[in-house]
C-alpha atoms as a PDB file:
ATOM      1  CA  MET A   1     -13.319 -24.044   8.008  1.00  0.00           C
ATOM      2  CA  LEU A   2     -10.891 -26.253   6.151  1.00  0.00           C
ATOM      3  CA  LEU A   3     -11.857 -24.593   2.884  1.00  0.00           C
ATOM      4  CA  TYR A   4     -11.272 -21.127   4.456  1.00  0.00           C
ATOM      5  CA  LEU A   5      -7.737 -22.178   5.641  1.00  0.00           C
ATOM      6  CA  LEU A   6      -6.921 -23.516   2.194  1.00  0.00           C
ATOM      7  CA  PHE A   7      -7.782 -20.251   0.687  1.00  0.00           C
ATOM      8  CA  MET A   8      -6.208 -17.899   3.235  1.00  0.00           C
ATOM      9  CA  LEU A   9      -3.128 -19.650   4.596  1.00  0.00           C
ATOM     10  CA  PRO A  10      -0.947 -19.207   1.417  1.00  0.00           C
ATOM     11  CA  PRO A  11      -1.462 -15.525   1.003  1.00  0.00           C
ATOM     12  CA  LEU A  12      -1.037 -15.047   4.748  1.00  0.00           C
ATOM     13  CA  ALA A  13       2.216 -16.925   4.725  1.00  0.00           C
ATOM     14  CA  PHE A  14       3.332 -14.729   1.778  1.00  0.00           C
ATOM     15  CA  MET A  15       2.333 -11.615   3.735  1.00  0.00           C
ATOM     16  CA  ILE A  16       4.390 -12.679   6.721  1.00  0.00           C
ATOM     17  CA  TRP A  17       7.419 -13.298   4.420  1.00  0.00           C
ATOM     18  CA  ALA A  18       6.918  -9.935   2.695  1.00  0.00           C
ATOM     19  CA  GLN A  19       6.805  -8.160   5.998  1.00  0.00           C
ATOM     20  CA  ALA A  20       9.823  -9.830   7.222  1.00  0.00           C
ATOM     21  CA  ARG A  21      11.638  -8.780   4.008  1.00  0.00           C
ATOM     22  CA  VAL A  22      10.601  -5.215   4.557  1.00  0.00           C
ATOM     23  CA  SER A  23      11.639  -5.213   8.193  1.00  0.00           C
ATOM     24  CA  SER A  24      15.086  -6.857   7.267  1.00  0.00           C
ATOM     25  CA  ALA A  25      15.772  -4.397   4.466  1.00  0.00           C
ATOM     26  CA  TYR A  26      14.702  -1.311   6.467  1.00  0.00           C
ATOM     27  CA  LYS A  27      16.714  -2.462   9.610  1.00  0.00           C
ATOM     28  CA  LYS A  28      19.793  -3.055   7.386  1.00  0.00           C
ATOM     29  CA  TYR A  29      19.825   0.124   5.428  1.00  0.00           C
ATOM     30  CA  SER A  30      18.509   2.409   8.112  1.00  0.00           C
ATOM     31  CA  ARG A  31      21.930   1.899   9.672  1.00  0.00           C
ATOM     32  CA  VAL A  32      23.847   2.787   6.473  1.00  0.00           C
ATOM     33  CA  PRO A  33      24.295   6.600   6.176  1.00  0.00           C
ATOM     34  CA  ASN A  34      24.050   8.131   2.718  1.00  0.00           C
ATOM     35  CA  MET A  35      27.247   9.804   1.436  1.00  0.00           C
ATOM     36  CA  GLY A  36      25.891  13.364   1.792  1.00  0.00           C
ATOM     37  CA  GLY A  37      24.478  12.940   5.333  1.00  0.00           C
ATOM     38  CA  VAL A  38      21.115  14.024   3.942  1.00  0.00           C
ATOM     39  CA  THR A  39      18.197  13.377   6.198  1.00  0.00           C
ATOM     40  CA  GLY A  40      14.813  12.232   4.960  1.00  0.00           C
ATOM     41  CA  ALA A  41      13.288  15.677   5.375  1.00  0.00           C
ATOM     42  CA  GLN A  42      16.159  17.365   3.543  1.00  0.00           C
ATOM     43  CA  ALA A  43      15.901  14.708   0.782  1.00  0.00           C
ATOM     44  CA  ALA A  44      12.144  15.393   0.456  1.00  0.00           C
ATOM     45  CA  GLN A  45      12.703  19.185   0.003  1.00  0.00           C
ATOM     46  CA  ALA A  46      15.432  18.465  -2.541  1.00  0.00           C
ATOM     47  CA  LEU A  47      13.391  15.996  -4.538  1.00  0.00           C
ATOM     48  CA  LEU A  48      10.325  18.063  -4.491  1.00  0.00           C
ATOM     49  CA  ALA A  49      12.255  21.023  -5.796  1.00  0.00           C
ATOM     50  CA  TYR A  50      13.880  18.927  -8.424  1.00  0.00           C
ATOM     51  CA  ASN A  51      10.379  18.053  -9.688  1.00  0.00           C
ATOM     52  CA  GLY A  52       9.116  21.584  -9.412  1.00  0.00           C
ATOM     53  CA  LEU A  53       6.744  20.652  -6.624  1.00  0.00           C
ATOM     54  CA  ARG A  54       7.616  23.502  -4.205  1.00  0.00           C
ATOM     55  CA  GLN A  55       3.845  23.870  -3.410  1.00  0.00           C
ATOM     56  CA  VAL A  56       3.935  20.452  -1.660  1.00  0.00           C
ATOM     57  CA  LYS A  57       4.395  20.750   2.098  1.00  0.00           C
ATOM     58  CA  VAL A  58       6.360  18.335   4.243  1.00  0.00           C
ATOM     59  CA  GLU A  59       4.952  17.525   7.521  1.00  0.00           C
ATOM     60  CA  GLY A  60       5.592  14.938  10.321  1.00  0.00           C
ATOM     61  CA  THR A  61       3.416  12.026  11.219  1.00  0.00           C
ATOM     62  CA  ARG A  62       3.333   9.579  14.044  1.00  0.00           C
ATOM     63  CA  GLY A  63       4.256   5.940  13.899  1.00  0.00           C
ATOM     64  CA  ARG A  64       6.956   3.824  12.328  1.00  0.00           C
ATOM     65  CA  LEU A  65       7.048   3.616   8.476  1.00  0.00           C
ATOM     66  CA  THR A  66       3.747   5.542   8.236  1.00  0.00           C
ATOM     67  CA  ASP A  67       5.222   7.843   5.609  1.00  0.00           C
ATOM     68  CA  HIS A  68       2.649   8.872   2.855  1.00  0.00           C
ATOM     69  CA  TYR A  69       1.624  11.531   0.326  1.00  0.00           C
ATOM     70  CA  ASP A  70      -1.813  13.124   0.776  1.00  0.00           C
ATOM     71  CA  PRO A  71      -2.999  14.067  -2.658  1.00  0.00           C
ATOM     72  CA  ARG A  72      -6.051  15.998  -1.287  1.00  0.00           C
ATOM     73  CA  ARG A  73      -3.976  18.380   0.705  1.00  0.00           C
ATOM     74  CA  LYS A  74      -0.733  18.207  -1.289  1.00  0.00           C
ATOM     75  CA  VAL A  75       1.193  17.123   1.859  1.00  0.00           C
ATOM     76  CA  LEU A  76       4.111  14.764   2.160  1.00  0.00           C
ATOM     77  CA  ARG A  77       4.028  13.260   5.680  1.00  0.00           C
ATOM     78  CA  LEU A  78       7.166  11.654   7.122  1.00  0.00           C
ATOM     79  CA  SER A  79       7.587   9.591  10.275  1.00  0.00           C
ATOM     80  CA  SER A  80      10.243  10.910  12.662  1.00  0.00           C
ATOM     81  CA  GLY A  81      12.431   7.798  12.043  1.00  0.00           C
ATOM     82  CA  VAL A  82      12.627   8.682   8.378  1.00  0.00           C
ATOM     83  CA  ALA A  83      12.534  12.506   8.484  1.00  0.00           C
ATOM     84  CA  ASN A  84      15.428  12.794  10.888  1.00  0.00           C
ATOM     85  CA  SER A  85      17.566   9.963   9.608  1.00  0.00           C
ATOM     86  CA  PRO A  86      20.433  10.414   7.148  1.00  0.00           C
ATOM     87  CA  SER A  87      20.246   6.815   6.061  1.00  0.00           C
ATOM     88  CA  VAL A  88      20.056   5.130   2.717  1.00  0.00           C
ATOM     89  CA  ALA A  89      16.700   3.615   3.692  1.00  0.00           C
ATOM     90  CA  ALA A  90      15.281   7.027   4.635  1.00  0.00           C
ATOM     91  CA  VAL A  91      16.229   8.538   1.204  1.00  0.00           C
ATOM     92  CA  GLY A  92      14.655   5.591  -0.647  1.00  0.00           C
ATOM     93  CA  ILE A  93      11.394   5.854   1.300  1.00  0.00           C
ATOM     94  CA  VAL A  94      11.239   9.599   0.759  1.00  0.00           C
ATOM     95  CA  ALA A  95      11.891   9.242  -2.946  1.00  0.00           C
ATOM     96  CA  HIS A  96       8.952   6.788  -3.234  1.00  0.00           C
ATOM     97  CA  GLU A  97       6.567   9.171  -1.573  1.00  0.00           C
ATOM     98  CA  VAL A  98       7.806  12.024  -3.805  1.00  0.00           C
ATOM     99  CA  GLY A  99       6.950   9.592  -6.642  1.00  0.00           C
ATOM    100  CA  HIS A 100       3.395   9.757  -5.570  1.00  0.00           C
ATOM    101  CA  ALA A 101       3.495  13.526  -5.432  1.00  0.00           C
ATOM    102  CA  VAL A 102       4.890  13.477  -9.103  1.00  0.00           C
ATOM    103  CA  GLN A 103       2.008  11.075 -10.178  1.00  0.00           C
ATOM    104  CA  HIS A 104      -0.427  13.498  -8.698  1.00  0.00           C
ATOM    105  CA  ASN A 105       1.066  16.450 -10.429  1.00  0.00           C
ATOM    106  CA  VAL A 106       1.150  14.830 -13.877  1.00  0.00           C
ATOM    107  CA  GLY A 107      -2.359  13.288 -13.441  1.00  0.00           C
ATOM    108  CA  TYR A 108      -1.241   9.578 -13.513  1.00  0.00           C
ATOM    109  CA  ALA A 109      -4.435   7.864 -14.337  1.00  0.00           C
ATOM    110  CA  PRO A 110      -4.121   4.834 -11.868  1.00  0.00           C
ATOM    111  CA  LEU A 111      -3.567   7.250  -8.889  1.00  0.00           C
ATOM    112  CA  ARG A 112      -6.739   9.291  -9.877  1.00  0.00           C
ATOM    113  CA  VAL A 113      -8.739   5.986 -10.079  1.00  0.00           C
ATOM    114  CA  ARG A 114      -7.348   4.855  -6.625  1.00  0.00           C
ATOM    115  CA  THR A 115      -8.083   8.203  -5.106  1.00  0.00           C
ATOM    116  CA  ALA A 116     -11.694   8.103  -6.488  1.00  0.00           C
ATOM    117  CA  LEU A 117     -12.089   4.523  -5.075  1.00  0.00           C
ATOM    118  CA  VAL A 118     -11.016   5.526  -1.489  1.00  0.00           C
ATOM    119  CA  PRO A 119     -14.565   6.258  -0.089  1.00  0.00           C
ATOM    120  CA  VAL A 120     -15.991   3.067  -1.636  1.00  0.00           C
ATOM    121  CA  ALA A 121     -13.030   0.945  -0.619  1.00  0.00           C
ATOM    122  CA  ASN A 122     -13.292   2.151   2.926  1.00  0.00           C
ATOM    123  CA  LEU A 123     -16.997   1.326   3.026  1.00  0.00           C
ATOM    124  CA  GLY A 124     -16.366  -2.117   1.539  1.00  0.00           C
ATOM    125  CA  SER A 125     -13.491  -3.042   3.865  1.00  0.00           C
ATOM    126  CA  ARG A 126     -15.542  -1.899   6.964  1.00  0.00           C
ATOM    127  CA  PHE A 127     -18.971  -3.347   6.049  1.00  0.00           C
ATOM    128  CA  GLY A 128     -18.340  -5.968   3.540  1.00  0.00           C
ATOM    129  CA  PHE A 129     -17.186  -8.675   5.877  1.00  0.00           C
ATOM    130  CA  ILE A 130     -19.981  -7.635   8.373  1.00  0.00           C
ATOM    131  CA  CYS A 131     -22.664  -8.013   5.752  1.00  0.00           C
ATOM    132  CA  VAL A 132     -21.313 -11.506   4.780  1.00  0.00           C
ATOM    133  CA  ILE A 133     -21.229 -12.717   8.275  1.00  0.00           C
ATOM    134  CA  LEU A 134     -24.647 -11.302   9.128  1.00  0.00           C
ATOM    135  CA  GLY A 135     -26.175 -12.733   5.925  1.00  0.00           C
ATOM    136  CA  LEU A 136     -24.699 -16.082   6.726  1.00  0.00           C
ATOM    137  CA  ILE A 137     -26.251 -16.138  10.216  1.00  0.00           C
ATOM    138  CA  LEU A 138     -29.608 -14.992   8.932  1.00  0.00           C
ATOM    139  CA  TYR A 139     -29.524 -17.687   6.284  1.00  0.00           C
ATOM    140  CA  MET A 140     -28.628 -20.394   8.826  1.00  0.00           C
ATOM    141  CA  PHE A 141     -31.578 -19.365  10.950  1.00  0.00           C
ATOM    142  CA  GLY A 142     -33.978 -19.722   8.040  1.00  0.00           C
ATOM    143  CA  ALA A 143     -34.124 -16.180   6.720  1.00  0.00           C
ATOM    144  CA  GLY A 144     -33.861 -16.515   2.866  1.00  0.00           C
ATOM    145  CA  PHE A 145     -33.002 -12.893   2.389  1.00  0.00           C
ATOM    146  CA  GLY A 146     -29.765 -13.657   4.327  1.00  0.00           C
ATOM    147  CA  LEU A 147     -28.226 -14.799   1.083  1.00  0.00           C
ATOM    148  CA  ASP A 148     -28.967 -11.426  -0.469  1.00  0.00           C
ATOM    149  CA  VAL A 149     -27.347  -9.698   2.479  1.00  0.00           C
ATOM    150  CA  MET A 150     -24.263 -11.854   1.799  1.00  0.00           C
ATOM    151  CA  TRP A 151     -24.122 -10.834  -1.792  1.00  0.00           C
ATOM    152  CA  VAL A 152     -24.349  -7.124  -0.817  1.00  0.00           C
ATOM    153  CA  GLY A 153     -21.354  -7.842   1.437  1.00  0.00           C
ATOM    154  CA  ILE A 154     -19.555  -9.564  -1.455  1.00  0.00           C
ATOM    155  CA  TRP A 155     -19.996  -6.654  -3.685  1.00  0.00           C
ATOM    156  CA  LEU A 156     -18.936  -4.257  -1.030  1.00  0.00           C
ATOM    157  CA  PHE A 157     -15.760  -6.355  -0.402  1.00  0.00           C
ATOM    158  CA  ALA A 158     -15.133  -6.497  -4.135  1.00  0.00           C
ATOM    159  CA  ALA A 159     -14.669  -2.678  -4.098  1.00  0.00           C
ATOM    160  CA  ALA A 160     -11.909  -3.073  -1.542  1.00  0.00           C
ATOM    161  CA  VAL A 161     -10.303  -5.762  -3.748  1.00  0.00           C
ATOM    162  CA  LEU A 162     -10.506  -3.404  -6.792  1.00  0.00           C
ATOM    163  CA  PHE A 163      -8.743  -0.725  -4.627  1.00  0.00           C
ATOM    164  CA  ALA A 164      -6.022  -3.214  -3.872  1.00  0.00           C
ATOM    165  CA  LEU A 165      -5.747  -4.109  -7.535  1.00  0.00           C
ATOM    166  CA  VAL A 166      -5.332  -0.496  -8.613  1.00  0.00           C
ATOM    167  CA  THR A 167      -2.864   0.203  -5.832  1.00  0.00           C
ATOM    168  CA  LEU A 168      -0.355  -2.257  -7.283  1.00  0.00           C
ATOM    169  CA  PRO A 169       0.591  -0.247 -10.472  1.00  0.00           C
ATOM    170  CA  VAL A 170       0.474   2.884  -8.473  1.00  0.00           C
ATOM    171  CA  GLU A 171       3.040   1.701  -5.947  1.00  0.00           C
ATOM    172  CA  TYR A 172       5.323   0.071  -8.554  1.00  0.00           C
ATOM    173  CA  ASP A 173       5.238   3.209 -10.686  1.00  0.00           C
ATOM    174  CA  ALA A 174       6.111   5.397  -7.674  1.00  0.00           C
ATOM    175  CA  SER A 175       9.036   3.053  -6.903  1.00  0.00           C
ATOM    176  CA  ASN A 176      10.268   3.352 -10.455  1.00  0.00           C
ATOM    177  CA  ARG A 177      10.036   7.051 -10.422  1.00  0.00           C
ATOM    178  CA  ALA A 178      11.998   6.977  -7.070  1.00  0.00           C
ATOM    179  CA  ARG A 179      14.798   5.019  -8.643  1.00  0.00           C
ATOM    180  CA  GLN A 180      15.063   7.365 -11.539  1.00  0.00           C
ATOM    181  CA  MET A 181      15.104  10.380  -9.216  1.00  0.00           C
ATOM    182  CA  LEU A 182      17.803   8.985  -7.072  1.00  0.00           C
ATOM    183  CA  GLN A 183      19.969   8.157 -10.099  1.00  0.00           C
ATOM    184  CA  LYS A 184      19.474  11.638 -11.799  1.00  0.00           C
ATOM    185  CA  THR A 185      19.843  13.797  -8.596  1.00  0.00           C
ATOM    186  CA  GLY A 186      22.921  11.948  -7.275  1.00  0.00           C
ATOM    187  CA  LEU A 187      21.613  11.873  -3.733  1.00  0.00           C
ATOM    188  CA  VAL A 188      23.065   8.427  -3.307  1.00  0.00           C
ATOM    189  CA  SER A 189      26.182   6.672  -4.589  1.00  0.00           C
ATOM    190  CA  ALA A 190      25.885   3.629  -6.935  1.00  0.00           C
ATOM    191  CA  ARG A 191      26.281   1.338  -3.918  1.00  0.00           C
ATOM    192  CA  GLU A 192      23.776   3.216  -1.861  1.00  0.00           C
ATOM    193  CA  TYR A 193      21.374   3.172  -4.744  1.00  0.00           C
ATOM    194  CA  GLU A 194      21.324  -0.670  -4.591  1.00  0.00           C
ATOM    195  CA  GLY A 195      20.414  -0.449  -0.899  1.00  0.00           C
ATOM    196  CA  ALA A 196      17.576   2.027  -1.523  1.00  0.00           C
ATOM    197  CA  SER A 197      16.338  -0.010  -4.325  1.00  0.00           C
ATOM    198  CA  ALA A 198      16.289  -3.101  -2.123  1.00  0.00           C
ATOM    199  CA  VAL A 199      14.125  -1.310   0.369  1.00  0.00           C
ATOM    200  CA  LEU A 200      11.740  -0.186  -2.387  1.00  0.00           C
ATOM    201  CA  SER A 201      11.516  -3.745  -3.781  1.00  0.00           C
ATOM    202  CA  ALA A 202      10.762  -5.344  -0.387  1.00  0.00           C
ATOM    203  CA  ALA A 203       8.083  -2.805   0.343  1.00  0.00           C
ATOM    204  CA  ALA A 204       6.423  -3.463  -3.111  1.00  0.00           C
ATOM    205  CA  LEU A 205       5.914  -7.143  -2.081  1.00  0.00           C
ATOM    206  CA  THR A 206       3.630  -6.091   0.786  1.00  0.00           C
ATOM    207  CA  TYR A 207       1.175  -4.580  -1.779  1.00  0.00           C
ATOM    208  CA  VAL A 208       1.336  -7.846  -3.727  1.00  0.00           C
ATOM    209  CA  ALA A 209       0.599  -9.805  -0.554  1.00  0.00           C
ATOM    210  CA  ALA A 210      -2.287  -7.451   0.312  1.00  0.00           C
ATOM    211  CA  LEU A 211      -3.922  -8.083  -3.103  1.00  0.00           C
ATOM    212  CA  LEU A 212      -3.506 -11.830  -2.780  1.00  0.00           C
ATOM    213  CA  GLN A 213      -5.215 -11.863   0.584  1.00  0.00           C
ATOM    214  CA  ALA A 214      -8.043  -9.722  -0.600  1.00  0.00           C
ATOM    215  CA  VAL A 215      -8.617 -11.790  -3.751  1.00  0.00           C
ATOM    216  CA  ALA A 216      -8.495 -15.108  -1.686  1.00  0.00           C
ATOM    217  CA  GLN A 217     -10.978 -13.707   0.757  1.00  0.00           C
ATOM    218  CA  LEU A 218     -13.319 -12.523  -2.058  1.00  0.00           C
ATOM    219  CA  PHE A 219     -13.180 -15.974  -3.829  1.00  0.00           C
ATOM    220  CA  TYR A 220     -13.981 -17.737  -0.539  1.00  0.00           C
ATOM    221  CA  PHE A 221     -17.005 -15.642   0.045  1.00  0.00           C
ATOM    222  CA  VAL A 222     -18.289 -16.126  -3.479  1.00  0.00           C
ATOM    223  CA  ILE A 223     -17.890 -19.895  -3.287  1.00  0.00           C
ATOM    224  CA  LEU A 224     -19.600 -19.861   0.090  1.00  0.00           C
ATOM    225  CA  ALA A 225     -22.583 -17.809  -1.248  1.00  0.00           C
ATOM    226  CA  VAL A 226     -22.882 -19.823  -4.396  1.00  0.00           C
ATOM    227  CA  GLY A 227     -22.838 -23.053  -2.506  1.00  0.00           C
ATOM    228  CA  MET A 228     -25.536 -21.867  -0.070  1.00  0.00           C
ATOM    229  CA  GLY A 229     -27.685 -20.707  -3.006  1.00  0.00           C
ATOM    230  CA  ARG A 230     -27.664 -24.237  -4.451  1.00  0.00           C
ATOM    231  CA  ARG A 231     -29.108 -25.791  -1.320  1.00  0.00           C
END
């Protein structure tokens, strides 16, 4: 238990800090209107048109900060808080998601890899932990094959870690594309650009935190399995 806490507490603390950064930046700049009074939905249409992506549809989605681009259906989904808000934060978030649409359109390699990994990553995140715990219980009750079950779980979980690793360059690239679009299109002023960039930077930290948590969890599982195998 102590070893688990040593592995997981630092990335957990970083995740809490990153989430606080996102919440603070979004709260601050969601109250700052952009100079043109452009809502998130309007910004999405403008940026998609700027990139020649008129085939991409814009739809609503439930929740708060649940905005995302669906490459399978070529749909940009915006939460109501972003779609209907003429704020600096909304424009920044929309630009990031349009960045993903641009990645998809140009065949950005890391995005293609991440999309291909989705089914395996979902399987790994759902059943990896279950297999590790089940294998541990079986091994503790004298079933030698429990260790094999644990390793199956570890490999499944490793797929989820790989997904988190590939996600990092995808998200940072989308944010960089977003910054370039905001500068070139003039949707925001120089001061407003700083605010939108702050929101993007804060959001990026959450992906770093997610990767650190996944890696720490994986290392703990590996050390646990190796230690049991030496007994």
